[in-house]
PDB file of N, CA and C in Angstrom:
ATOM      1  N   MET A   1      94.093  89.336  68.815  1.00  0.00           N
ATOM      2  CA  MET A   1      94.347  88.573  67.488  1.00  0.00           C
ATOM      3  C   MET A   1      93.441  89.684  66.647  1.00  0.00           C
ATOM      4  N   VAL A   2      93.683  89.975  65.457  1.00  0.00           N
ATOM      5  CA  VAL A   2      92.864  91.049  64.540  1.00  0.00           C
ATOM      6  C   VAL A   2      92.034  90.341  63.518  1.00  0.00           C
ATOM      7  N   ALA A   3      90.935  90.269  63.623  1.00  0.00           N
ATOM      8  CA  ALA A   3      89.921  90.137  62.819  1.00  0.00           C
ATOM      9  C   ALA A   3      90.302  90.225  61.252  1.00  0.00           C
ATOM     10  N   ARG A   4      90.091  89.247  60.639  1.00  0.00           N
ATOM     11  CA  ARG A   4      90.306  89.904  59.159  1.00  0.00           C
ATOM     12  C   ARG A   4      88.998  89.184  58.018  1.00  0.00           C
ATOM     13  N   GLN A   5      88.867  90.219  57.375  1.00  0.00           N
ATOM     14  CA  GLN A   5      88.019  90.053  56.352  1.00  0.00           C
ATOM     15  C   GLN A   5      88.491  89.969  55.134  1.00  0.00           C
ATOM     16  N   VAL A   6      87.623  89.672  54.300  1.00  0.00           N
ATOM     17  CA  VAL A   6      87.883  89.463  52.697  1.00  0.00           C
ATOM     18  C   VAL A   6      87.181  90.410  52.048  1.00  0.00           C
ATOM     19  N   SER A   7      87.462  91.199  51.141  1.00  0.00           N
ATOM     20  CA  SER A   7      86.726  92.105  50.260  1.00  0.00           C
ATOM     21  C   SER A   7      86.485  91.326  49.087  1.00  0.00           C
ATOM     22  N   PRO A   8      85.482  92.321  48.008  1.00  0.00           N
ATOM     23  CA  PRO A   8      85.016  91.411  47.353  1.00  0.00           C
ATOM     24  C   PRO A   8      85.961  91.046  46.474  1.00  0.00           C
ATOM     25  N   LYS A   9      86.787  91.717  45.937  1.00  0.00           N
ATOM     26  CA  LYS A   9      87.883  91.418  45.258  1.00  0.00           C
ATOM     27  C   LYS A   9      88.927  90.818  45.858  1.00  0.00           C
ATOM     28  N   ASN A  10      88.676  89.840  47.083  1.00  0.00           N
ATOM     29  CA  ASN A  10      89.357  88.944  47.655  1.00  0.00           C
ATOM     30  C   ASN A  10      90.911  89.531  47.856  1.00  0.00           C
ATOM     31  N   THR A  11      90.483  90.687  48.103  1.00  0.00           N
ATOM     32  CA  THR A  11      91.873  91.212  49.117  1.00  0.00           C
ATOM     33  C   THR A  11      91.515  91.451  50.637  1.00  0.00           C
ATOM     34  N   PRO A  12      92.639  90.841  51.522  1.00  0.00           N
ATOM     35  CA  PRO A  12      92.295  90.969  52.965  1.00  0.00           C
ATOM     36  C   PRO A  12      92.179  92.285  53.319  1.00  0.00           C
ATOM     37  N   LEU A  13      91.273  92.467  54.111  1.00  0.00           N
ATOM     38  CA  LEU A  13      91.175  93.579  55.092  1.00  0.00           C
ATOM     39  C   LEU A  13      91.623  93.507  56.745  1.00  0.00           C
ATOM     40  N   THR A  14      92.201  94.349  57.274  1.00  0.00           N
ATOM     41  CA  THR A  14      92.279  94.086  58.717  1.00  0.00           C
ATOM     42  C   THR A  14      91.438  95.210  59.457  1.00  0.00           C
ATOM     43  N   LYS A  15      90.873  94.064  60.309  1.00  0.00           N
ATOM     44  CA  LYS A  15      89.849  95.132  61.132  1.00  0.00           C
ATOM     45  C   LYS A  15      90.281  95.779  62.413  1.00  0.00           C
ATOM     46  N   ARG A  16      90.404  96.706  62.607  1.00  0.00           N
ATOM     47  CA  ARG A  16      90.928  97.245  63.948  1.00  0.00           C
ATOM     48  C   ARG A  16      90.032  98.077  64.306  1.00  0.00           C
ATOM     49  N   PRO A  17      89.924  97.723  65.872  1.00  0.00           N
ATOM     50  CA  PRO A  17      88.887  98.625  66.692  1.00  0.00           C
ATOM     51  C   PRO A  17      88.878 100.075  66.908  1.00  0.00           C
ATOM     52  N   ALA A  18      88.260 100.922  66.646  1.00  0.00           N
ATOM     53  CA  ALA A  18      88.051 102.199  66.632  1.00  0.00           C
ATOM     54  C   ALA A  18      88.873 103.105  67.472  1.00  0.00           C
ATOM     55  N   ALA A  19      89.383 104.035  66.858  1.00  0.00           N
ATOM     56  CA  ALA A  19      90.504 104.565  68.160  1.00  0.00           C
ATOM     57  C   ALA A  19      89.476 105.342  69.100  1.00  0.00           C
ATOM     58  N   THR A  20      90.320 105.601  70.508  1.00  0.00           N
ATOM     59  CA  THR A  20      89.383 105.912  71.214  1.00  0.00           C
ATOM     60  C   THR A  20      89.741 107.604  71.575  1.00  0.00           C
ATOM     61  N   THR A  21      90.329 108.199  70.849  1.00  0.00           N
ATOM     62  CA  THR A  21      90.410 109.370  70.400  1.00  0.00           C
ATOM     63  C   THR A  21      89.907 110.105  69.574  1.00  0.00           C
ATOM     64  N   LEU A  22      89.448 111.248  69.462  1.00  0.00           N
ATOM     65  CA  LEU A  22      88.923 111.982  68.063  1.00  0.00           C
ATOM     66  C   LEU A  22      90.227 111.970  67.009  1.00  0.00           C
ATOM     67  N   ASP A  23      91.298 112.613  67.455  1.00  0.00           N
ATOM     68  CA  ASP A  23      92.405 112.682  66.441  1.00  0.00           C
ATOM     69  C   ASP A  23      92.567 111.205  66.123  1.00  0.00           C
ATOM     70  N   GLY A  24      92.606 110.242  66.529  1.00  0.00           N
ATOM     71  CA  GLY A  24      93.103 109.108  66.249  1.00  0.00           C
ATOM     72  C   GLY A  24      91.833 108.478  65.274  1.00  0.00           C
ATOM     73  N   ARG A  25      91.023 108.769  65.542  1.00  0.00           N
ATOM     74  CA  ARG A  25      89.637 108.420  64.895  1.00  0.00           C
ATOM     75  C   ARG A  25      89.832 108.848  63.586  1.00  0.00           C
ATOM     76  N   GLU A  26      89.892 110.305  63.413  1.00  0.00           N
ATOM     77  CA  GLU A  26      90.136 110.822  62.484  1.00  0.00           C
ATOM     78  C   GLU A  26      91.361 110.306  61.578  1.00  0.00           C
ATOM     79  N   GLN A  27      92.308 109.870  61.920  1.00  0.00           N
ATOM     80  CA  GLN A  27      93.407 109.185  61.125  1.00  0.00           C
ATOM     81  C   GLN A  27      92.894 108.222  60.734  1.00  0.00           C
ATOM     82  N   GLN A  28      92.167 107.260  61.224  1.00  0.00           N
ATOM     83  CA  GLN A  28      91.961 105.876  61.093  1.00  0.00           C
ATOM     84  C   GLN A  28      91.319 106.064  59.623  1.00  0.00           C
ATOM     85  N   LEU A  29      90.126 107.398  59.477  1.00  0.00           N
ATOM     86  CA  LEU A  29      88.992 107.378  58.415  1.00  0.00           C
ATOM     87  C   LEU A  29      89.839 107.900  57.305  1.00  0.00           C
ATOM     88  N   VAL A  30      90.801 108.765  57.650  1.00  0.00           N
ATOM     89  CA  VAL A  30      91.752 109.543  56.673  1.00  0.00           C
ATOM     90  C   VAL A  30      92.378 108.306  56.001  1.00  0.00           C
ATOM     91  N   ALA A  31      92.800 107.535  56.630  1.00  0.00           N
ATOM     92  CA  ALA A  31      93.935 106.325  56.211  1.00  0.00           C
ATOM     93  C   ALA A  31      92.774 105.411  55.428  1.00  0.00           C
ATOM     94  N   LEU A  32      91.758 104.986  55.945  1.00  0.00           N
ATOM     95  CA  LEU A  32      90.594 104.255  55.048  1.00  0.00           C
ATOM     96  C   LEU A  32      90.533 105.128  53.653  1.00  0.00           C
ATOM     97  N   ALA A  33      90.502 106.201  53.694  1.00  0.00           N
ATOM     98  CA  ALA A  33      90.009 107.052  52.477  1.00  0.00           C
ATOM     99  C   ALA A  33      90.964 107.071  51.674  1.00  0.00           C
ATOM    100  N   VAL A  34      92.163 107.115  51.991  1.00  0.00           N
ATOM    101  CA  VAL A  34      93.558 106.707  50.998  1.00  0.00           C
ATOM    102  C   VAL A  34      93.665 105.439  50.380  1.00  0.00           C
ATOM    103  N   ASP A  35      93.482 104.830  51.093  1.00  0.00           N
ATOM    104  CA  ASP A  35      93.211 103.414  50.927  1.00  0.00           C
ATOM    105  C   ASP A  35      92.324 102.928  49.662  1.00  0.00           C
ATOM    106  N   GLU A  36      91.233 103.643  49.918  1.00  0.00           N
ATOM    107  CA  GLU A  36      89.927 103.430  49.150  1.00  0.00           C
ATOM    108  C   GLU A  36      90.417 103.969  47.725  1.00  0.00           C
ATOM    109  N   ALA A  37      91.087 105.156  47.882  1.00  0.00           N
ATOM    110  CA  ALA A  37      91.463 105.968  46.805  1.00  0.00           C
ATOM    111  C   ALA A  37      92.650 105.176  45.744  1.00  0.00           C
ATOM    112  N   GLU A  38      93.547 104.261  46.595  1.00  0.00           N
ATOM    113  CA  GLU A  38      94.406 103.730  46.285  1.00  0.00           C
ATOM    114  C   GLU A  38      93.875 102.835  45.062  1.00  0.00           C
ATOM    115  N   ARG A  39      93.251 102.085  45.926  1.00  0.00           N
ATOM    116  CA  ARG A  39      92.394 100.860  45.189  1.00  0.00           C
ATOM    117  C   ARG A  39      91.855 101.140  44.086  1.00  0.00           C
ATOM    118  N   GLN A  40      91.062 102.907  43.864  1.00  0.00           N
ATOM    119  CA  GLN A  40      90.274 103.234  42.637  1.00  0.00           C
ATOM    120  C   GLN A  40      91.333 103.422  41.604  1.00  0.00           C
ATOM    121  N   ILE A  41      92.227 104.054  41.880  1.00  0.00           N
ATOM    122  CA  ILE A  41      93.487 104.247  41.217  1.00  0.00           C
ATOM    123  C   ILE A  41      93.908 103.314  40.454  1.00  0.00           C
ATOM    124  N   ARG A  42      94.367 102.175  41.188  1.00  0.00           N
ATOM    125  CA  ARG A  42      95.083 100.885  40.362  1.00  0.00           C
ATOM    126  C   ARG A  42      93.790  99.931  39.684  1.00  0.00           C
ATOM    127  N   ALA A  43      92.387 100.115  40.030  1.00  0.00           N
ATOM    128  CA  ALA A  43      91.578  99.670  39.356  1.00  0.00           C
ATOM    129  C   ALA A  43      91.208 100.435  38.185  1.00  0.00           C
ATOM    130  N   GLY A  44      91.660 101.658  38.177  1.00  0.00           N
ATOM    131  CA  GLY A  44      91.229 102.127  37.074  1.00  0.00           C
ATOM    132  C   GLY A  44      89.730 102.934  36.887  1.00  0.00           C
ATOM    133  N   THR A  45      89.311 103.014  38.045  1.00  0.00           N
ATOM    134  CA  THR A  45      87.887 103.299  38.500  1.00  0.00           C
ATOM    135  C   THR A  45      87.783 104.492  39.127  1.00  0.00           C
ATOM    136  N   ALA A  46      89.044 105.136  39.656  1.00  0.00           N
ATOM    137  CA  ALA A  46      88.893 106.476  39.899  1.00  0.00           C
ATOM    138  C   ALA A  46      88.179 107.849  39.353  1.00  0.00           C
ATOM    139  N   SER A  47      87.692 108.612  39.916  1.00  0.00           N
ATOM    140  CA  SER A  47      87.070 109.713  39.199  1.00  0.00           C
ATOM    141  C   SER A  47      88.364 110.683  39.031  1.00  0.00           C
ATOM    142  N   ALA A  48      87.919 111.417  38.362  1.00  0.00           N
ATOM    143  CA  ALA A  48      88.895 112.723  37.580  1.00  0.00           C
ATOM    144  C   ALA A  48      89.700 113.659  39.019  1.00  0.00           C
ATOM    145  N   GLN A  49      88.466 114.014  39.927  1.00  0.00           N
ATOM    146  CA  GLN A  49      88.619 114.626  41.163  1.00  0.00           C
ATOM    147  C   GLN A  49      89.692 114.066  41.831  1.00  0.00           C
ATOM    148  N   VAL A  50      89.920 112.511  42.009  1.00  0.00           N
ATOM    149  CA  VAL A  50      90.715 111.739  42.934  1.00  0.00           C
ATOM    150  C   VAL A  50      91.929 111.585  42.382  1.00  0.00           C
ATOM    151  N   VAL A  51      91.872 111.547  40.981  1.00  0.00           N
ATOM    152  CA  VAL A  51      93.233 111.329  40.411  1.00  0.00           C
ATOM    153  C   VAL A  51      93.932 113.158  40.232  1.00  0.00           C
ATOM    154  N   THR A  52      93.447 113.995  40.373  1.00  0.00           N
ATOM    155  CA  THR A  52      93.507 115.340  40.286  1.00  0.00           C
ATOM    156  C   THR A  52      94.285 115.774  41.592  1.00  0.00           C
ATOM    157  N   HIS A  53      93.477 114.994  42.635  1.00  0.00           N
ATOM    158  CA  HIS A  53      93.749 115.631  44.173  1.00  0.00           C
ATOM    159  C   HIS A  53      95.156 115.012  44.457  1.00  0.00           C
ATOM    160  N   PHE A  54      95.510 113.444  44.145  1.00  0.00           N
ATOM    161  CA  PHE A  54      96.664 113.063  44.126  1.00  0.00           C
ATOM    162  C   PHE A  54      97.880 113.710  43.394  1.00  0.00           C
ATOM    163  N   LEU A  55      97.493 114.030  42.285  1.00  0.00           N
ATOM    164  CA  LEU A  55      98.610 114.469  41.555  1.00  0.00           C
ATOM    165  C   LEU A  55      98.944 116.072  41.962  1.00  0.00           C
ATOM    166  N   LYS A  56      97.871 116.670  42.472  1.00  0.00           N
ATOM    167  CA  LYS A  56      98.215 118.138  42.930  1.00  0.00           C
ATOM    168  C   LYS A  56      99.421 117.994  44.741  1.00  0.00           C
ATOM    169  N   LEU A  57      99.153 116.744  45.226  1.00  0.00           N
ATOM    170  CA  LEU A  57      99.729 116.393  46.195  1.00  0.00           C
ATOM    171  C   LEU A  57     101.009 116.255  46.203  1.00  0.00           C
ATOM    172  N   GLY A  58     101.284 115.525  44.895  1.00  0.00           N
ATOM    173  CA  GLY A  58     102.815 115.124  44.453  1.00  0.00           C
ATOM    174  C   GLY A  58     103.674 116.192  43.418  1.00  0.00           C
ATOM    175  N   SER A  59     102.726 117.569  43.536  1.00  0.00           N
ATOM    176  CA  SER A  59     103.460 118.810  42.693  1.00  0.00           C
ATOM    177  C   SER A  59     104.547 119.357  43.818  1.00  0.00           C
ATOM    178  N   THR A  60     105.328 119.814  42.755  1.00  0.00           N
ATOM    179  CA  THR A  60     106.371 120.590  43.338  1.00  0.00           C
ATOM    180  C   THR A  60     105.803 122.039  43.970  1.00  0.00           C
ATOM    181  N   ARG A  61     104.941 122.641  43.401  1.00  0.00           N
ATOM    182  CA  ARG A  61     104.131 123.722  44.191  1.00  0.00           C
ATOM    183  C   ARG A  61     103.749 123.326  45.599  1.00  0.00           C
ATOM    184  N   GLU A  62     102.924 122.173  45.487  1.00  0.00           N
ATOM    185  CA  GLU A  62     102.495 121.631  46.668  1.00  0.00           C
ATOM    186  C   GLU A  62     103.441 121.888  47.679  1.00  0.00           C
ATOM    187  N   LYS A  63     104.460 120.931  47.664  1.00  0.00           N
ATOM    188  CA  LYS A  63     105.735 120.511  48.369  1.00  0.00           C
ATOM    189  C   LYS A  63     106.456 122.145  48.883  1.00  0.00           C
ATOM    190  N   LEU A  64     106.251 122.939  47.761  1.00  0.00           N
ATOM    191  CA  LEU A  64     106.824 124.263  48.329  1.00  0.00           C
ATOM    192  C   LEU A  64     105.827 125.135  49.319  1.00  0.00           C
ATOM    193  N   GLU A  65     104.591 125.050  48.946  1.00  0.00           N
ATOM    194  CA  GLU A  65     103.377 125.382  49.742  1.00  0.00           C
ATOM    195  C   GLU A  65     103.606 124.767  51.287  1.00  0.00           C
ATOM    196  N   GLN A  66     103.552 123.641  51.240  1.00  0.00           N
ATOM    197  CA  GLN A  66     103.730 123.338  52.773  1.00  0.00           C
ATOM    198  C   GLN A  66     105.005 123.668  53.350  1.00  0.00           C
ATOM    199  N   GLU A  67     106.161 123.720  52.752  1.00  0.00           N
ATOM    200  CA  GLU A  67     107.645 124.159  53.354  1.00  0.00           C
ATOM    201  C   GLU A  67     106.979 125.869  53.792  1.00  0.00           C
ATOM    202  N   ARG A  68     106.525 126.473  52.931  1.00  0.00           N
ATOM    203  CA  ARG A  68     106.374 127.905  53.525  1.00  0.00           C
ATOM    204  C   ARG A  68     105.022 128.074  54.493  1.00  0.00           C
ATOM    205  N   ILE A  69     104.419 126.981  54.899  1.00  0.00           N
ATOM    206  CA  ILE A  69     103.416 127.021  55.747  1.00  0.00           C
ATOM    207  C   ILE A  69     104.251 126.524  57.155  1.00  0.00           C
ATOM    208  N   ALA A  70     105.037 125.329  56.897  1.00  0.00           N
ATOM    209  CA  ALA A  70     105.945 125.222  58.089  1.00  0.00           C
ATOM    210  C   ALA A  70     106.751 126.368  58.496  1.00  0.00           C
ATOM    211  N   HIS A  71     107.528 126.946  57.700  1.00  0.00           N
ATOM    212  CA  HIS A  71     108.289 128.345  57.668  1.00  0.00           C
ATOM    213  C   HIS A  71     107.396 129.385  58.481  1.00  0.00           C
ATOM    214  N   GLU A  72     106.296 129.825  58.106  1.00  0.00           N
ATOM    215  CA  GLU A  72     105.321 130.850  58.547  1.00  0.00           C
ATOM    216  C   GLU A  72     104.983 130.044  60.500  1.00  0.00           C
ATOM    217  N   ASN A  73     104.531 128.928  60.496  1.00  0.00           N
ATOM    218  CA  ASN A  73     104.780 128.330  61.672  1.00  0.00           C
ATOM    219  C   ASN A  73     105.674 128.583  62.628  1.00  0.00           C
ATOM    220  N   GLU A  74     106.888 128.334  61.977  1.00  0.00           N
ATOM    221  CA  GLU A  74     108.236 128.706  63.071  1.00  0.00           C
ATOM    222  C   GLU A  74     108.442 130.057  63.188  1.00  0.00           C
ATOM    223  N   LEU A  75     108.029 131.235  62.043  1.00  0.00           N
ATOM    224  CA  LEU A  75     108.200 132.227  62.539  1.00  0.00           C
ATOM    225  C   LEU A  75     106.937 132.620  63.721  1.00  0.00           C
ATOM    226  N   LEU A  76     105.883 132.402  63.437  1.00  0.00           N
ATOM    227  CA  LEU A  76     104.932 132.672  64.338  1.00  0.00           C
ATOM    228  C   LEU A  76     105.528 132.243  65.946  1.00  0.00           C
ATOM    229  N   VAL A  77     106.214 130.854  66.045  1.00  0.00           N
ATOM    230  CA  VAL A  77     106.354 130.606  67.457  1.00  0.00           C
ATOM    231  C   VAL A  77     107.522 131.611  67.765  1.00  0.00           C
ATOM    232  N   ALA A  78     108.443 132.035  66.954  1.00  0.00           N
ATOM    233  CA  ALA A  78     109.515 132.691  67.092  1.00  0.00           C
ATOM    234  C   ALA A  78     108.942 134.197  67.852  1.00  0.00           C
ATOM    235  N   LYS A  79     107.995 134.539  66.827  1.00  0.00           N
ATOM    236  CA  LYS A  79     107.388 135.939  67.665  1.00  0.00           C
ATOM    237  C   LYS A  79     106.887 135.734  68.868  1.00  0.00           C
ATOM    238  N   ARG A  80     106.051 134.633  69.119  1.00  0.00           N
ATOM    239  CA  ARG A  80     105.654 134.708  70.330  1.00  0.00           C
ATOM    240  C   ARG A  80     106.517 134.413  71.576  1.00  0.00           C
ATOM    241  N   GLU A  81     107.571 134.150  71.297  1.00  0.00           N
ATOM    242  CA  GLU A  81     108.748 134.000  71.946  1.00  0.00           C
ATOM    243  C   GLU A  81     109.516 135.351  72.475  1.00  0.00           C
ATOM    244  N   ALA A  82     109.668 135.715  71.074  1.00  0.00           N
ATOM    245  CA  ALA A  82     110.218 137.457  71.334  1.00  0.00           C
ATOM    246  C   ALA A  82     109.230 138.301  72.337  1.00  0.00           C
ATOM    247  N   LEU A  83     108.072 137.975  72.271  1.00  0.00           N
ATOM    248  CA  LEU A  83     107.123 138.928  73.032  1.00  0.00           C
ATOM    249  C   LEU A  83     107.170 138.738  74.142  1.00  0.00           C
ATOM    250  N   ALA A  84     107.183 137.214  74.809  1.00  0.00           N
ATOM    251  CA  ALA A  84     107.236 136.515  75.986  1.00  0.00           C
ATOM    252  C   ALA A  84     108.708 137.111  76.809  1.00  0.00           C
ATOM    253  N   SER A  85     109.494 137.218  75.916  1.00  0.00           N
ATOM    254  CA  SER A  85     110.943 137.683  76.436  1.00  0.00           C
ATOM    255  C   SER A  85     111.057 139.170  76.480  1.00  0.00           C
ATOM    256  N   GLN A  86     110.443 139.784  75.600  1.00  0.00           N
ATOM    257  CA  GLN A  86     110.105 141.499  75.633  1.00  0.00           C
ATOM    258  C   GLN A  86     109.494 141.786  76.964  1.00  0.00           C
ATOM    259  N   ALA A  87     108.612 141.017  77.833  1.00  0.00           N
ATOM    260  CA  ALA A  87     107.769 141.153  78.516  1.00  0.00           C
ATOM    261  C   ALA A  87     108.603 140.777  79.816  1.00  0.00           C
ATOM    262  N   ARG A  88     109.152 139.669  79.969  1.00  0.00           N
ATOM    263  CA  ARG A  88     109.946 139.531  80.974  1.00  0.00           C
ATOM    264  C   ARG A  88     111.321 140.715  81.234  1.00  0.00           C
ATOM    265  N   VAL A  89     111.700 141.238  80.089  1.00  0.00           N
ATOM    266  CA  VAL A  89     112.971 142.243  80.297  1.00  0.00           C
ATOM    267  C   VAL A  89     112.532 143.963  80.454  1.00  0.00           C
ATOM    268  N   GLU A  90     110.829 144.016  80.094  1.00  0.00           N
ATOM    269  CA  GLU A  90     110.582 145.063  80.713  1.00  0.00           C
ATOM    270  C   GLU A  90     110.253 144.743  82.313  1.00  0.00           C
ATOM    271  N   GLU A  91     109.678 143.832  82.830  1.00  0.00           N
ATOM    272  CA  GLU A  91     109.536 143.536  84.220  1.00  0.00           C
ATOM    273  C   GLU A  91     110.971 143.577  85.112  1.00  0.00           C
ATOM    274  N   LEU A  92     111.965 143.059  84.543  1.00  0.00           N
ATOM    275  CA  LEU A  92     113.212 143.270  84.958  1.00  0.00           C
ATOM    276  C   LEU A  92     113.987 144.763  85.123  1.00  0.00           C
ATOM    277  N   TYR A  93     113.574 145.532  83.935  1.00  0.00           N
ATOM    278  CA  TYR A  93     113.688 147.014  83.724  1.00  0.00           C
ATOM    279  C   TYR A  93     112.985 147.565  85.119  1.00  0.00           C
ATOM    280  N   SER A  94     111.553 147.394  85.001  1.00  0.00           N
ATOM    281  CA  SER A  94     110.944 148.102  86.165  1.00  0.00           C
ATOM    282  C   SER A  94     111.113 147.601  87.688  1.00  0.00           C
ATOM    283  N   LYS A  95     111.748 146.143  87.693  1.00  0.00           N
ATOM    284  CA  LYS A  95     112.294 146.012  89.082  1.00  0.00           C
ATOM    285  C   LYS A  95     113.576 146.563  89.608  1.00  0.00           C
ATOM    286  N   ALA A  96     114.468 146.703  88.419  1.00  0.00           N
ATOM    287  CA  ALA A  96     115.705 147.594  88.580  1.00  0.00           C
ATOM    288  C   ALA A  96     115.400 148.954  88.806  1.00  0.00           C
ATOM    289  N   LEU A  97     114.794 149.596  87.950  1.00  0.00           N
ATOM    290  CA  LEU A  97     114.432 151.013  88.467  1.00  0.00           C
ATOM    291  C   LEU A  97     113.868 151.324  90.057  1.00  0.00           C
ATOM    292  N   GLY A  98     113.197 150.479  90.386  1.00  0.00           N
ATOM    293  CA  GLY A  98     112.341 150.241  91.454  1.00  0.00           C
ATOM    294  C   GLY A  98     113.427 150.403  92.699  1.00  0.00           C
ATOM    295  N   ALA A  99     114.360 149.305  92.628  1.00  0.00           N
ATOM    296  CA  ALA A  99     115.383 149.069  93.332  1.00  0.00           C
ATOM    297  C   ALA A  99     116.359 150.206  93.834  1.00  0.00           C
ATOM    298  N   MET A 100     116.828 150.782  92.345  1.00  0.00           N
ATOM    299  CA  MET A 100     117.616 152.186  92.206  1.00  0.00           C
ATOM    300  C   MET A 100     116.725 153.252  93.012  1.00  0.00           C
ATOM    301  N   ARG A 101     115.550 153.413  92.781  1.00  0.00           N
ATOM    302  CA  ARG A 101     114.758 154.238  93.334  1.00  0.00           C
ATOM    303  C   ARG A 101     115.018 154.019  95.097  1.00  0.00           C
ATOM    304  N   GLN A 102     114.528 153.040  95.286  1.00  0.00           N
ATOM    305  CA  GLN A 102     114.890 152.541  96.756  1.00  0.00           C
ATOM    306  C   GLN A 102     116.265 152.663  97.522  1.00  0.00           C
ATOM    307  N   TYR A 103     117.340 152.271  96.838  1.00  0.00           N
ATOM    308  CA  TYR A 103     118.830 152.653  97.018  1.00  0.00           C
ATOM    309  C   TYR A 103     119.026 154.125  97.481  1.00  0.00           C
ATOM    310  N   SER A 104     118.511 154.836  96.649  1.00  0.00           N
ATOM    311  CA  SER A 104     118.647 156.507  96.487  1.00  0.00           C
ATOM    312  C   SER A 104     118.015 157.162  97.676  1.00  0.00           C
ATOM    313  N   GLY A 105     116.986 156.434  98.329  1.00  0.00           N
ATOM    314  CA  GLY A 105     116.014 156.854  99.683  1.00  0.00           C
ATOM    315  C   GLY A 105     115.056 157.417  98.912  1.00  0.00           C
ATOM    316  N   GLN A 106     114.654 157.225  97.683  1.00  0.00           N
ATOM    317  CA  GLN A 106     113.235 157.789  97.438  1.00  0.00           C
ATOM    318  C   GLN A 106     111.959 156.587  97.521  1.00  0.00           C
ATOM    319  N   ASP A 107     110.954 157.147  97.612  1.00  0.00           N
ATOM    320  CA  ASP A 107     109.962 156.272  97.553  1.00  0.00           C
ATOM    321  C   ASP A 107     109.608 155.184  96.379  1.00  0.00           C
ATOM    322  N   PRO A 108     109.386 153.893  96.348  1.00  0.00           N
ATOM    323  CA  PRO A 108     109.657 153.062  95.200  1.00  0.00           C
ATOM    324  C   PRO A 108     108.234 153.802  94.401  1.00  0.00           C
ATOM    325  N   ILE A 109     108.436 153.439  92.949  1.00  0.00           N
ATOM    326  CA  ILE A 109     107.229 153.617  92.051  1.00  0.00           C
ATOM    327  C   ILE A 109     106.225 152.534  92.544  1.00  0.00           C
ATOM    328  N   GLY A 110     105.298 152.635  92.401  1.00  0.00           N
ATOM    329  CA  GLY A 110     103.918 151.989  92.257  1.00  0.00           C
ATOM    330  C   GLY A 110     103.893 151.181  90.837  1.00  0.00           C
ATOM    331  N   GLU A 111     102.831 150.257  90.966  1.00  0.00           N
ATOM    332  CA  GLU A 111     102.923 149.565  89.502  1.00  0.00           C
ATOM    333  C   GLU A 111     102.244 150.337  88.528  1.00  0.00           C
ATOM    334  N   TYR A 112     101.368 151.529  89.143  1.00  0.00           N
ATOM    335  CA  TYR A 112     100.558 152.292  88.183  1.00  0.00           C
ATOM    336  C   TYR A 112     100.962 153.820  88.371  1.00  0.00           C
ATOM    337  N   ASP A 113     102.404 153.856  88.785  1.00  0.00           N
ATOM    338  CA  ASP A 113     102.692 155.284  88.694  1.00  0.00           C
ATOM    339  C   ASP A 113     103.604 155.352  87.442  1.00  0.00           C
ATOM    340  N   GLY A 114     103.958 156.727  86.926  1.00  0.00           N
ATOM    341  CA  GLY A 114     104.608 156.462  85.493  1.00  0.00           C
ATOM    342  C   GLY A 114     105.836 157.174  85.902  1.00  0.00           C
TER     343      GLY A 114
END
């Protein structure tokens, strides 16, 4: 059962146990901060910084910025995969050349020979 508390404004609060991981705990604290900011905005007691922060979050510019960051992350993943693929292709070429040299009766090329 979850213990319930009553805040000074008679709004029920749910008390949950602290998360066991650092990420989970951070998410809990962020959720509490957002809840507090919402309470302040609804009560009309929010500072200009709090209001401005949430106005910026809802702006078209912020949404475009988040989309740009997501695309940059996708590009980085694609570049990393391309580099890994290139390394595999180079290894295959090296093995194929070594096999061709061996089939033609030549000494195989060592790893550090050019």
